[in-house]
Structures are given as C-alpha cells and as structure tokens.
C-alpha atoms as a PDB file:
ATOM      1  CA  UNK A   1      18.520  -6.981 -16.816  1.00  0.00           C
ATOM      2  CA  UNK A   2      20.875  -9.874 -15.944  1.00  0.00           C
ATOM      3  CA  UNK A   3      19.828 -13.495 -16.377  1.00  0.00           C
ATOM      4  CA  UNK A   4      20.525 -14.086 -12.708  1.00  0.00           C
ATOM      5  CA  UNK A   5      18.138 -11.313 -11.699  1.00  0.00           C
ATOM      6  CA  UNK A   6      15.449 -12.668 -14.017  1.00  0.00           C
ATOM      7  CA  UNK A   7      15.866 -16.153 -12.552  1.00  0.00           C
ATOM      8  CA  UNK A   8      15.815 -14.896  -8.972  1.00  0.00           C
ATOM      9  CA  UNK A   9      12.764 -12.738  -9.649  1.00  0.00           C
ATOM     10  CA  UNK A  10      10.973 -15.562 -11.415  1.00  0.00           C
ATOM     11  CA  UNK A  11      11.739 -17.948  -8.573  1.00  0.00           C
ATOM     12  CA  UNK A  12      10.445 -15.482  -6.004  1.00  0.00           C
ATOM     13  CA  UNK A  13       7.222 -14.983  -7.938  1.00  0.00           C
ATOM     14  CA  UNK A  14       6.747 -18.735  -8.294  1.00  0.00           C
ATOM     15  CA  UNK A  15       7.416 -19.352  -4.615  1.00  0.00           C
ATOM     16  CA  UNK A  16       5.184 -16.413  -3.700  1.00  0.00           C
ATOM     17  CA  UNK A  17       2.256 -17.713  -5.727  1.00  0.00           C
ATOM     18  CA  UNK A  18       2.714 -21.204  -4.294  1.00  0.00           C
ATOM     19  CA  UNK A  19       2.890 -19.873  -0.763  1.00  0.00           C
ATOM     20  CA  UNK A  20      -0.156 -17.621  -1.210  1.00  0.00           C
ATOM     21  CA  UNK A  21      -2.182 -20.479  -2.690  1.00  0.00           C
ATOM     22  CA  UNK A  22      -1.178 -22.787   0.144  1.00  0.00           C
ATOM     23  CA  UNK A  23      -2.085 -20.122   2.708  1.00  0.00           C
ATOM     24  CA  UNK A  24      -5.563 -19.706   1.260  1.00  0.00           C
ATOM     25  CA  UNK A  25      -6.223 -23.418   0.777  1.00  0.00           C
ATOM     26  CA  UNK A  26      -5.141 -24.501   4.237  1.00  0.00           C
ATOM     27  CA  UNK A  27      -7.830 -22.349   5.889  1.00  0.00           C
ATOM     28  CA  UNK A  28     -10.826 -24.337   7.172  1.00  0.00           C
ATOM     29  CA  UNK A  29     -13.866 -24.324   4.897  1.00  0.00           C
ATOM     30  CA  UNK A  30     -16.132 -23.276   7.748  1.00  0.00           C
ATOM     31  CA  UNK A  31     -14.585 -20.369   9.626  1.00  0.00           C
ATOM     32  CA  UNK A  32     -15.372 -19.730  13.256  1.00  0.00           C
ATOM     33  CA  UNK A  33     -18.165 -17.184  13.739  1.00  0.00           C
ATOM     34  CA  UNK A  34     -16.919 -13.635  14.208  1.00  0.00           C
ATOM     35  CA  UNK A  35     -18.548 -10.287  14.868  1.00  0.00           C
ATOM     36  CA  UNK A  36     -19.634  -8.903  11.506  1.00  0.00           C
ATOM     37  CA  UNK A  37     -18.284  -5.454  10.675  1.00  0.00           C
ATOM     38  CA  UNK A  38     -19.248  -3.038   7.908  1.00  0.00           C
ATOM     39  CA  UNK A  39     -16.422  -1.993   5.529  1.00  0.00           C
ATOM     40  CA  UNK A  40     -18.050   1.424   5.099  1.00  0.00           C
ATOM     41  CA  UNK A  41     -17.965   2.253   8.811  1.00  0.00           C
ATOM     42  CA  UNK A  42     -15.406   0.003  10.496  1.00  0.00           C
ATOM     43  CA  UNK A  43     -12.386   1.956  11.787  1.00  0.00           C
ATOM     44  CA  UNK A  44      -9.278  -0.214  11.435  1.00  0.00           C
ATOM     45  CA  UNK A  45      -7.033   2.191  13.363  1.00  0.00           C
ATOM     46  CA  UNK A  46      -7.522   0.393  16.688  1.00  0.00           C
ATOM     47  CA  UNK A  47      -6.335  -2.843  15.060  1.00  0.00           C
ATOM     48  CA  UNK A  48      -3.228  -1.172  13.694  1.00  0.00           C
ATOM     49  CA  UNK A  49      -2.503   0.355  17.093  1.00  0.00           C
ATOM     50  CA  UNK A  50      -2.733  -3.058  18.726  1.00  0.00           C
ATOM     51  CA  UNK A  51      -0.450  -4.911  16.281  1.00  0.00           C
ATOM     52  CA  UNK A  52       2.131  -2.172  15.644  1.00  0.00           C
ATOM     53  CA  UNK A  53       4.794  -3.410  18.062  1.00  0.00           C
ATOM     54  CA  UNK A  54       5.167  -6.847  16.500  1.00  0.00           C
ATOM     55  CA  UNK A  55       3.838  -6.142  13.003  1.00  0.00           C
ATOM     56  CA  UNK A  56       7.223  -6.364  11.264  1.00  0.00           C
ATOM     57  CA  UNK A  57       8.043  -9.679  12.915  1.00  0.00           C
ATOM     58  CA  UNK A  58       4.660 -11.102  11.919  1.00  0.00           C
ATOM     59  CA  UNK A  59       4.561  -9.846   8.333  1.00  0.00           C
ATOM     60  CA  UNK A  60       8.248 -10.034   7.408  1.00  0.00           C
ATOM     61  CA  UNK A  61       8.302 -13.721   6.481  1.00  0.00           C
ATOM     62  CA  UNK A  62       5.215 -13.410   4.271  1.00  0.00           C
ATOM     63  CA  UNK A  63       6.690 -10.428   2.427  1.00  0.00           C
ATOM     64  CA  UNK A  64       9.949 -12.285   1.793  1.00  0.00           C
ATOM     65  CA  UNK A  65       8.112 -15.322   0.406  1.00  0.00           C
ATOM     66  CA  UNK A  66       5.954 -13.141  -1.812  1.00  0.00           C
ATOM     67  CA  UNK A  67       8.786 -10.943  -3.089  1.00  0.00           C
ATOM     68  CA  UNK A  68       7.093  -7.770  -1.816  1.00  0.00           C
ATOM     69  CA  UNK A  69      10.474  -6.250  -0.977  1.00  0.00           C
ATOM     70  CA  UNK A  70      11.454  -6.453  -4.656  1.00  0.00           C
ATOM     71  CA  UNK A  71       8.296  -4.598  -5.636  1.00  0.00           C
ATOM     72  CA  UNK A  72       8.900  -1.933  -2.981  1.00  0.00           C
ATOM     73  CA  UNK A  73      12.516  -1.528  -4.112  1.00  0.00           C
ATOM     74  CA  UNK A  74      11.601  -1.143  -7.777  1.00  0.00           C
ATOM     75  CA  UNK A  75       8.736   1.287  -7.166  1.00  0.00           C
ATOM     76  CA  UNK A  76      10.566   3.536  -4.719  1.00  0.00           C
ATOM     77  CA  UNK A  77      13.731   3.552  -6.799  1.00  0.00           C
ATOM     78  CA  UNK A  78      11.995   4.369 -10.063  1.00  0.00           C
ATOM     79  CA  UNK A  79       9.139   6.679  -9.084  1.00  0.00           C
ATOM     80  CA  UNK A  80       9.827   8.395  -5.742  1.00  0.00           C
ATOM     81  CA  UNK A  81      11.124  11.797  -6.838  1.00  0.00           C
ATOM     82  CA  UNK A  82      11.177  15.372  -5.531  1.00  0.00           C
ATOM     83  CA  UNK A  83       8.866  16.232  -2.644  1.00  0.00           C
ATOM     84  CA  UNK A  84       7.423  12.880  -1.548  1.00  0.00           C
ATOM     85  CA  UNK A  85       4.415  12.164   0.665  1.00  0.00           C
ATOM     86  CA  UNK A  86       3.896   8.619   1.887  1.00  0.00           C
ATOM     87  CA  UNK A  87       0.477   7.851   3.358  1.00  0.00           C
ATOM     88  CA  UNK A  88      -0.336   4.768   5.435  1.00  0.00           C
ATOM     89  CA  UNK A  89       3.371   4.572   6.231  1.00  0.00           C
ATOM     90  CA  UNK A  90       2.826   1.901   8.867  1.00  0.00           C
ATOM     91  CA  UNK A  91       6.111   0.813  10.432  1.00  0.00           C
ATOM     92  CA  UNK A  92       8.198   2.341   7.628  1.00  0.00           C
ATOM     93  CA  UNK A  93       8.757  -0.733   5.496  1.00  0.00           C
ATOM     94  CA  UNK A  94       9.515   1.414   2.419  1.00  0.00           C
ATOM     95  CA  UNK A  95      12.346   3.334   4.079  1.00  0.00           C
ATOM     96  CA  UNK A  96      15.160   0.991   2.972  1.00  0.00           C
ATOM     97  CA  UNK A  97      14.172   1.455  -0.671  1.00  0.00           C
ATOM     98  CA  UNK A  98      14.022   5.229  -1.135  1.00  0.00           C
ATOM     99  CA  UNK A  99      16.905   6.881  -2.957  1.00  0.00           C
ATOM    100  CA  UNK A 100      17.712  10.012  -0.938  1.00  0.00           C
ATOM    101  CA  UNK A 101      19.648  11.500  -3.862  1.00  0.00           C
ATOM    102  CA  UNK A 102      16.379  11.606  -5.820  1.00  0.00           C
ATOM    103  CA  UNK A 103      14.277  13.121  -3.032  1.00  0.00           C
ATOM    104  CA  UNK A 104      13.928  16.779  -2.041  1.00  0.00           C
ATOM    105  CA  UNK A 105      11.786  16.087   1.039  1.00  0.00           C
ATOM    106  CA  UNK A 106      10.014  13.089   2.565  1.00  0.00           C
ATOM    107  CA  UNK A 107       6.811  13.295   4.610  1.00  0.00           C
ATOM    108  CA  UNK A 108       5.736  10.069   6.315  1.00  0.00           C
ATOM    109  CA  UNK A 109       2.136   9.948   7.532  1.00  0.00           C
ATOM    110  CA  UNK A 110      -0.262   7.486   9.096  1.00  0.00           C
ATOM    111  CA  UNK A 111      -3.595   7.604  10.872  1.00  0.00           C
ATOM    112  CA  UNK A 112      -2.236   5.336  13.607  1.00  0.00           C
ATOM    113  CA  UNK A 113       0.124   7.222  15.943  1.00  0.00           C
ATOM    114  CA  UNK A 114       1.419   3.926  17.287  1.00  0.00           C
ATOM    115  CA  UNK A 115       2.367   2.728  13.805  1.00  0.00           C
ATOM    116  CA  UNK A 116       4.017   6.080  13.102  1.00  0.00           C
ATOM    117  CA  UNK A 117       6.085   5.736  16.289  1.00  0.00           C
ATOM    118  CA  UNK A 118       7.323   2.407  14.923  1.00  0.00           C
ATOM    119  CA  UNK A 119       8.197   4.142  11.643  1.00  0.00           C
ATOM    120  CA  UNK A 120      10.279   6.683  13.575  1.00  0.00           C
ATOM    121  CA  UNK A 121      12.227   3.812  15.111  1.00  0.00           C
ATOM    122  CA  UNK A 122      12.738   2.269  11.668  1.00  0.00           C
ATOM    123  CA  UNK A 123      13.924   5.621  10.321  1.00  0.00           C
ATOM    124  CA  UNK A 124      16.685   5.752  12.943  1.00  0.00           C
ATOM    125  CA  UNK A 125      18.358   2.825  11.176  1.00  0.00           C
ATOM    126  CA  UNK A 126      18.479   4.833   7.941  1.00  0.00           C
ATOM    127  CA  UNK A 127      18.865   8.369   9.288  1.00  0.00           C
ATOM    128  CA  UNK A 128      22.434   8.702   8.039  1.00  0.00           C
ATOM    129  CA  UNK A 129      21.286   8.056   4.471  1.00  0.00           C
ATOM    130  CA  UNK A 130      18.679  10.822   4.777  1.00  0.00           C
ATOM    131  CA  UNK A 131      20.916  13.428   6.413  1.00  0.00           C
ATOM    132  CA  UNK A 132      20.565  15.770   3.405  1.00  0.00           C
ATOM    133  CA  UNK A 133      16.790  15.240   3.121  1.00  0.00           C
ATOM    134  CA  UNK A 134      14.182  16.907   5.387  1.00  0.00           C
ATOM    135  CA  UNK A 135      12.073  14.085   6.836  1.00  0.00           C
ATOM    136  CA  UNK A 136       8.749  14.853   8.563  1.00  0.00           C
ATOM    137  CA  UNK A 137       6.359  12.561  10.439  1.00  0.00           C
ATOM    138  CA  UNK A 138       2.645  13.431  10.519  1.00  0.00           C
ATOM    139  CA  UNK A 139      -0.310  11.730  12.156  1.00  0.00           C
ATOM    140  CA  UNK A 140      -2.799  12.184   9.327  1.00  0.00           C
ATOM    141  CA  UNK A 141      -5.950  10.491   8.098  1.00  0.00           C
ATOM    142  CA  UNK A 142      -5.749  10.548   4.305  1.00  0.00           C
ATOM    143  CA  UNK A 143      -9.492   9.977   4.150  1.00  0.00           C
ATOM    144  CA  UNK A 144     -10.568  13.168   5.888  1.00  0.00           C
ATOM    145  CA  UNK A 145      -7.638  15.575   5.882  1.00  0.00           C
ATOM    146  CA  UNK A 146      -5.924  17.403   3.057  1.00  0.00           C
ATOM    147  CA  UNK A 147      -2.346  18.233   3.949  1.00  0.00           C
ATOM    148  CA  UNK A 148      -2.370  21.618   2.222  1.00  0.00           C
ATOM    149  CA  UNK A 149       0.979  20.921   0.572  1.00  0.00           C
ATOM    150  CA  UNK A 150       1.561  19.674  -2.947  1.00  0.00           C
ATOM    151  CA  UNK A 151       3.933  16.877  -3.864  1.00  0.00           C
ATOM    152  CA  UNK A 152       5.843  15.486  -6.815  1.00  0.00           C
ATOM    153  CA  UNK A 153       5.133  11.914  -5.712  1.00  0.00           C
ATOM    154  CA  UNK A 154       2.634  10.341  -3.324  1.00  0.00           C
ATOM    155  CA  UNK A 155       3.246   6.751  -2.223  1.00  0.00           C
ATOM    156  CA  UNK A 156       0.632   4.429  -0.727  1.00  0.00           C
ATOM    157  CA  UNK A 157       1.596   0.798  -0.150  1.00  0.00           C
ATOM    158  CA  UNK A 158      -1.106  -1.496   1.228  1.00  0.00           C
ATOM    159  CA  UNK A 159      -3.093   1.408   2.635  1.00  0.00           C
ATOM    160  CA  UNK A 160      -6.292   1.550   0.574  1.00  0.00           C
ATOM    161  CA  UNK A 161      -7.338  -1.822   1.971  1.00  0.00           C
ATOM    162  CA  UNK A 162      -7.673  -0.222   5.429  1.00  0.00           C
ATOM    163  CA  UNK A 163      -9.790   2.826   4.525  1.00  0.00           C
ATOM    164  CA  UNK A 164     -13.553   3.036   4.896  1.00  0.00           C
ATOM    165  CA  UNK A 165     -13.759   4.922   1.577  1.00  0.00           C
ATOM    166  CA  UNK A 166     -10.720   4.253  -0.632  1.00  0.00           C
ATOM    167  CA  UNK A 167     -12.134   6.248  -3.560  1.00  0.00           C
ATOM    168  CA  UNK A 168     -12.349   9.302  -1.281  1.00  0.00           C
ATOM    169  CA  UNK A 169      -8.694   8.781  -0.391  1.00  0.00           C
ATOM    170  CA  UNK A 170      -7.692   8.613  -4.053  1.00  0.00           C
ATOM    171  CA  UNK A 171      -9.491  11.873  -4.815  1.00  0.00           C
ATOM    172  CA  UNK A 172      -7.924  13.624  -1.793  1.00  0.00           C
ATOM    173  CA  UNK A 173      -4.452  12.399  -2.702  1.00  0.00           C
ATOM    174  CA  UNK A 174      -4.854  13.552  -6.290  1.00  0.00           C
ATOM    175  CA  UNK A 175      -5.565  17.071  -5.024  1.00  0.00           C
ATOM    176  CA  UNK A 176      -2.239  17.050  -3.178  1.00  0.00           C
ATOM    177  CA  UNK A 177      -0.245  16.196  -6.286  1.00  0.00           C
ATOM    178  CA  UNK A 178       1.442  18.874  -8.331  1.00  0.00           C
ATOM    179  CA  UNK A 179       0.174  19.078 -11.927  1.00  0.00           C
ATOM    180  CA  UNK A 180       0.965  15.809 -13.725  1.00  0.00           C
ATOM    181  CA  UNK A 181       2.761  14.433 -10.660  1.00  0.00           C
ATOM    182  CA  UNK A 182       2.423  10.730  -9.827  1.00  0.00           C
ATOM    183  CA  UNK A 183       0.581   8.591  -7.319  1.00  0.00           C
ATOM    184  CA  UNK A 184       2.349   5.261  -6.728  1.00  0.00           C
ATOM    185  CA  UNK A 185       0.245   2.384  -5.371  1.00  0.00           C
ATOM    186  CA  UNK A 186       1.076  -1.131  -4.219  1.00  0.00           C
ATOM    187  CA  UNK A 187      -2.126  -2.725  -2.964  1.00  0.00           C
ATOM    188  CA  UNK A 188      -4.092  -5.876  -2.143  1.00  0.00           C
ATOM    189  CA  UNK A 189      -7.259  -6.692  -4.057  1.00  0.00           C
ATOM    190  CA  UNK A 190      -9.435  -9.174  -5.861  1.00  0.00           C
ATOM    191  CA  UNK A 191      -7.874 -11.973  -7.872  1.00  0.00           C
ATOM    192  CA  UNK A 192      -8.055 -12.924 -11.548  1.00  0.00           C
ATOM    193  CA  UNK A 193      -9.860 -16.073 -10.409  1.00  0.00           C
ATOM    194  CA  UNK A 194     -13.379 -16.512  -9.028  1.00  0.00           C
ATOM    195  CA  UNK A 195     -12.392 -19.469  -6.825  1.00  0.00           C
ATOM    196  CA  UNK A 196      -9.798 -17.318  -5.056  1.00  0.00           C
ATOM    197  CA  UNK A 197     -12.179 -14.371  -4.762  1.00  0.00           C
ATOM    198  CA  UNK A 198     -14.645 -16.654  -3.008  1.00  0.00           C
ATOM    199  CA  UNK A 199     -11.942 -17.533  -0.496  1.00  0.00           C
ATOM    200  CA  UNK A 200     -11.019 -13.881   0.018  1.00  0.00           C
ATOM    201  CA  UNK A 201     -14.685 -12.989   0.541  1.00  0.00           C
ATOM    202  CA  UNK A 202     -15.342 -15.833   2.958  1.00  0.00           C
ATOM    203  CA  UNK A 203     -12.431 -14.853   5.201  1.00  0.00           C
ATOM    204  CA  UNK A 204     -12.581 -11.054   4.808  1.00  0.00           C
ATOM    205  CA  UNK A 205     -14.236 -10.459   8.183  1.00  0.00           C
ATOM    206  CA  UNK A 206     -11.663 -12.493  10.085  1.00  0.00           C
ATOM    207  CA  UNK A 207      -8.808 -10.910   8.165  1.00  0.00           C
ATOM    208  CA  UNK A 208      -9.845  -7.309   8.799  1.00  0.00           C
ATOM    209  CA  UNK A 209     -10.291  -7.940  12.510  1.00  0.00           C
ATOM    210  CA  UNK A 210      -6.846  -9.538  12.744  1.00  0.00           C
ATOM    211  CA  UNK A 211      -4.896  -7.329  10.330  1.00  0.00           C
ATOM    212  CA  UNK A 212      -7.018  -4.192   9.743  1.00  0.00           C
ATOM    213  CA  UNK A 213      -7.126  -4.966   6.024  1.00  0.00           C
ATOM    214  CA  UNK A 214      -9.991  -5.649   3.595  1.00  0.00           C
ATOM    215  CA  UNK A 215      -8.065  -7.894   1.207  1.00  0.00           C
ATOM    216  CA  UNK A 216     -10.995  -8.489  -1.172  1.00  0.00           C
ATOM    217  CA  UNK A 217     -11.565  -4.968  -2.496  1.00  0.00           C
ATOM    218  CA  UNK A 218     -11.963  -4.356  -6.215  1.00  0.00           C
ATOM    219  CA  UNK A 219      -8.983  -2.181  -7.084  1.00  0.00           C
ATOM    220  CA  UNK A 220      -9.904  -1.837 -10.752  1.00  0.00           C
ATOM    221  CA  UNK A 221     -13.391  -0.625  -9.829  1.00  0.00           C
ATOM    222  CA  UNK A 222     -11.871   1.993  -7.514  1.00  0.00           C
ATOM    223  CA  UNK A 223      -9.641   3.299 -10.287  1.00  0.00           C
ATOM    224  CA  UNK A 224     -12.613   3.367 -12.682  1.00  0.00           C
ATOM    225  CA  UNK A 225     -14.790   5.361 -10.253  1.00  0.00           C
ATOM    226  CA  UNK A 226     -16.075   8.521 -11.989  1.00  0.00           C
ATOM    227  CA  UNK A 227     -14.777  10.912  -9.306  1.00  0.00           C
ATOM    228  CA  UNK A 228     -11.367   9.252  -9.361  1.00  0.00           C
ATOM    229  CA  UNK A 229     -11.185   9.357 -13.162  1.00  0.00           C
ATOM    230  CA  UNK A 230     -11.811  13.104 -13.096  1.00  0.00           C
ATOM    231  CA  UNK A 231      -8.554  13.729 -11.217  1.00  0.00           C
ATOM    232  CA  UNK A 232      -6.322  10.722 -11.912  1.00  0.00           C
ATOM    233  CA  UNK A 233      -5.161   9.017 -15.088  1.00  0.00           C
ATOM    234  CA  UNK A 234      -3.935   5.439 -14.732  1.00  0.00           C
ATOM    235  CA  UNK A 235      -0.623   5.061 -16.563  1.00  0.00           C
ATOM    236  CA  UNK A 236       0.278   1.501 -15.636  1.00  0.00           C
ATOM    237  CA  UNK A 237      -1.206  -1.509 -13.856  1.00  0.00           C
ATOM    238  CA  UNK A 238       0.472  -4.841 -13.247  1.00  0.00           C
ATOM    239  CA  UNK A 239      -0.692  -7.682 -11.018  1.00  0.00           C
ATOM    240  CA  UNK A 240       1.035 -10.520  -9.184  1.00  0.00           C
ATOM    241  CA  UNK A 241       0.124 -13.436  -6.909  1.00  0.00           C
ATOM    242  CA  UNK A 242      -2.818 -14.695  -8.936  1.00  0.00           C
ATOM    243  CA  UNK A 243      -3.875 -11.094  -9.463  1.00  0.00           C
ATOM    244  CA  UNK A 244      -4.177 -10.155  -5.767  1.00  0.00           C
ATOM    245  CA  UNK A 245      -1.200  -7.767  -5.625  1.00  0.00           C
ATOM    246  CA  UNK A 246      -1.601  -4.573  -7.656  1.00  0.00           C
ATOM    247  CA  UNK A 247       1.227  -2.321  -8.835  1.00  0.00           C
ATOM    248  CA  UNK A 248      -0.356   0.906 -10.097  1.00  0.00           C
ATOM    249  CA  UNK A 249       1.081   4.194 -11.353  1.00  0.00           C
ATOM    250  CA  UNK A 250      -1.306   7.147 -11.721  1.00  0.00           C
ATOM    251  CA  UNK A 251      -0.772  10.706 -12.938  1.00  0.00           C
ATOM    252  CA  UNK A 252      -2.719  13.734 -11.842  1.00  0.00           C
ATOM    253  CA  UNK A 253      -4.732  15.006 -14.778  1.00  0.00           C
ATOM    254  CA  UNK A 254      -4.067  18.416 -16.228  1.00  0.00           C
ATOM    255  CA  UNK A 255      -6.713  20.999 -15.359  1.00  0.00           C
ATOM    256  CA  UNK A 256      -7.855  21.168 -18.972  1.00  0.00           C
ATOM    257  CA  UNK A 257      -8.233  17.365 -19.048  1.00  0.00           C
ATOM    258  CA  UNK A 258     -10.592  17.281 -16.063  1.00  0.00           C
END
C-alpha cells in the first residue's frame, strides 16, 4: 500500500471521526418530544419510501466526510464474488464499487420499491460496465422472505439497522449462502464509548423517524446470538468512527459444524 494512500486514508478517518463527534455534540441536550416507536414492531419502509428521491443528496456529504466510500470500495472489490445478492440495496450506492469481472450475477433487492426504483436509475449510469453480468432487481423483505436461490456472496450495507429483527435477517441470509460462502456487512451500531452510546440512545427515536435507522443497535450481540452462531461464523470484525461503523465478514458454517 502506497504512503500516499495511507496518508489519505488516515486523513479521511481523522476527519470522519471529528465530523461524527461534532455532529453528535452539537445536538441539543433536551430533544423535542417525538412519538415513541418500538424497534420490535416499527416498520421503517414508509420512511425509506418518503426519503428515497433525495436520499443520495442528503447522505452523500456525510459519507464523503466519513470515508464510507472507501469502505464500500474495499469490501466490494475484495469480497463480492460469483453469484451476488445485495439486500437493503437502497439507492444503489454500492454499484460503483463492484468489479463486474469478478461477478457471475448480481441481484439487487430492497423492501422499499421506491428505493429500488432509485437503484435502477443509479444502475443506468453503470450499465455498460455490467453488460456481461445478469443484473436483477427484486422487491424483497429479507426479514420474512427466503429467495430460494443460493449465493456465493451476500452484501448488506447499513441494512440491519432498519429491520425489526436483525438476528432473523442474519439467519435467513445465512440459509441463502452456498456452503462456506460469505456474508459481507457494513453497519451502524453502538460505540466503544459509553458517553457516545448515551447520545445515540437519547436521539434514537428522532433518528429512526427521520432516517429509518436504529443507529444504537448492538452489532456484537447480534453476531453472538445463539441462532446466528449456529449458521454463521464471524471471520473478521473491524470498527471505525469511535466504534460506530462495523465492517464484518461472516462465513456460512459447514453442515457438520452446525
């Protein structure tokens, strides 16, 4: 890895952490009252439908500051192989980072049909790159539906934060992996630090109603869930932005390991 790349990456991480900290600290200590919603029952799909048209414009600056594009690029380039399923595709923000030469097929899915329509528009900008790769779009709820196909790689970036039962999603996705195939996750979650977790908790209700995302979920607890551990083996976990951004690689367990 070149020194320049290390310096650029280090600068982006530093700026990202500074920006994230500033964003959290500038929020008022006493938030305005909002309607309380239950994470176990609240359907975030209506929120995603409502913000789909301007989502990229609203989130793009934050992702640049935080270096999320670098993480997407590295993960897609290194791990997306063979028959690929992406769940919670959103507006298709991973599309620039796939390597078509490494992919046999690409299935893009999302529970929100409006978000998936935006992903189709994004795909048009990259269609020439994918001309040798079958690309499918499916309206699909990863929490309740099993696709019926099996994949070499399943990708989920910032999707578990929107599910009512993320552990159920992990188990369902594992069942759609070929033996020993990989699940690639880039997710929000709890921080290394209690002071930041208190901030995430205090603003979780407002955040989910605005963005359809529970940003204070315990990712490590999800991965350690007994049902999840029966079907998935965690190969690698790395965290950024004071521990709130999780980069996780899982492998489907062999039948004789389950």
